[in-house]
Amino acid sequence: LFPPGLARFIATRDQTCATPYCDAPIRHNDHVLAWASGGRTTAGNSSAKCADCNYSKEAPGWSAASVAGHRHTTLTTTPTGHTYRSQSPPLPGDTS
């Protein structure tokens, strides 16, 4: 579970589902590296998801990793081996 303040931050940062090919409304806050696997409940290890994407990523063969950088970035690898990059939208006034 994410504390309420952190959950609001994640929703504001990501705005829609963070799965690269999905822009559905956010329904769940999720750990990029699962809590059960040692992932911490932090902004850097978080990702906003729609319900379908959050449940689908638990299927065998899916993985995700956070990438360090200016904007929150996640790499998602599908069971077919394809890797997709998603970034949170830029902050207002951010020109980089």
Protein backbone atom coordinates (compact mmCIF):
# COMPACT_ATOMS: atom_id res chain seq x y z
CA LEU A 1 0.00 0.00 0.00
CA PHE A 2 1.12 3.52 -0.73
CA PRO A 3 0.60 6.27 1.87
CA PRO A 4 -2.11 8.75 0.76
CA GLY A 5 0.33 11.61 0.04
CA LEU A 6 2.59 9.40 -2.07
CA ALA A 7 -0.43 7.98 -3.91
CA ARG A 8 -1.57 11.52 -4.80
CA PHE A 9 1.94 12.37 -6.00
CA ILE A 10 2.07 9.28 -8.24
CA ALA A 11 -1.35 10.05 -9.74
CA THR A 12 -0.31 13.65 -10.41
CA ARG A 13 3.05 12.60 -11.87
CA ASP A 14 1.81 9.82 -14.16
CA GLN A 15 -1.68 11.21 -15.02
CA THR A 16 -2.76 8.01 -16.86
CA CYS A 17 -1.78 4.34 -16.85
CA ALA A 18 2.01 4.12 -17.10
CA THR A 19 1.98 1.06 -19.36
CA PRO A 20 3.58 2.36 -22.60
CA TYR A 21 0.68 1.56 -24.94
CA CYS A 22 -2.16 2.36 -22.55
CA ASP A 23 -3.61 5.71 -21.50
CA ALA A 24 -6.51 4.43 -19.41
CA PRO A 25 -7.44 6.12 -16.12
CA ILE A 26 -5.34 5.21 -13.09
CA ARG A 27 -6.93 2.64 -10.78
CA HIS A 28 -3.92 1.19 -8.91
CA ASN A 29 -0.55 2.36 -7.64
CA ASP A 30 1.98 -0.36 -8.16
CA HIS A 31 5.55 -1.23 -7.21
CA VAL A 32 7.84 -1.50 -10.27
CA LEU A 33 9.99 -4.01 -8.38
CA ALA A 34 7.43 -5.99 -6.40
CA TRP A 35 7.33 -5.42 -2.66
CA ALA A 36 7.51 -9.22 -2.17
CA SER A 37 10.79 -9.18 -4.14
CA GLY A 38 12.33 -6.46 -1.98
CA GLY A 39 10.93 -3.42 -3.79
CA ARG A 40 10.50 -0.36 -1.60
CA THR A 41 7.41 1.82 -1.37
CA THR A 42 8.95 4.95 -2.89
CA ALA A 43 8.16 7.39 -5.70
CA GLY A 44 11.05 5.95 -7.74
CA ASN A 45 9.75 2.39 -7.43
CA SER A 46 6.15 3.28 -8.22
CA SER A 47 3.98 3.22 -11.28
CA ALA A 48 0.34 4.19 -11.80
CA LYS A 49 -1.65 1.51 -13.63
CA CYS A 50 -5.15 0.82 -14.87
CA ALA A 51 -6.63 -2.33 -13.34
CA ASP A 52 -6.16 -4.44 -16.50
CA CYS A 53 -2.47 -3.57 -16.89
CA ASN A 54 -1.78 -4.08 -13.20
CA TYR A 55 -3.29 -7.59 -13.22
CA SER A 56 -1.79 -8.51 -16.62
CA LYS A 57 1.78 -7.70 -15.55
CA GLU A 58 1.54 -10.40 -12.89
CA ALA A 59 1.35 -13.10 -15.60
CA PRO A 60 4.50 -15.14 -16.27
CA GLY A 61 7.06 -13.52 -18.55
CA TRP A 62 6.33 -9.86 -17.74
CA SER A 63 8.94 -7.69 -16.04
CA ALA A 64 9.53 -4.02 -15.33
CA ALA A 65 12.44 -1.89 -14.20
CA SER A 66 12.88 1.75 -13.26
CA VAL A 67 15.44 3.78 -15.20
CA ALA A 68 17.31 6.65 -13.58
CA GLY A 69 16.88 10.00 -15.27
CA HIS A 70 15.29 13.44 -15.30
CA ARG A 71 11.72 12.11 -15.67
CA HIS A 72 10.29 8.96 -14.10
CA THR A 73 10.92 6.20 -16.66
CA THR A 74 9.96 2.54 -16.64
CA LEU A 75 11.02 -0.25 -19.00
CA THR A 76 8.43 -2.98 -19.45
CA THR A 77 9.37 -6.32 -21.02
CA THR A 78 6.60 -8.52 -22.39
CA PRO A 79 6.55 -12.33 -22.53
CA THR A 80 7.58 -12.09 -26.22
CA GLY A 81 10.76 -10.24 -25.23
CA HIS A 82 9.71 -6.83 -26.54
CA THR A 83 10.77 -3.93 -24.33
CA TYR A 84 8.81 -0.69 -24.08
CA ARG A 85 9.82 2.56 -22.40
CA SER A 86 7.30 4.83 -20.71
CA GLN A 87 7.94 8.24 -19.16
CA SER A 88 5.78 10.38 -16.98
CA PRO A 89 4.65 13.59 -18.65
CA PRO A 90 6.96 16.62 -18.22
CA LEU A 91 6.27 19.01 -15.39
CA PRO A 92 4.63 22.32 -16.33
CA GLY A 93 7.29 24.63 -17.75
CA ASP A 94 9.80 21.78 -18.28
CA THR A 95 11.40 22.27 -21.71
CA SER A 96 13.86 19.37 -21.56
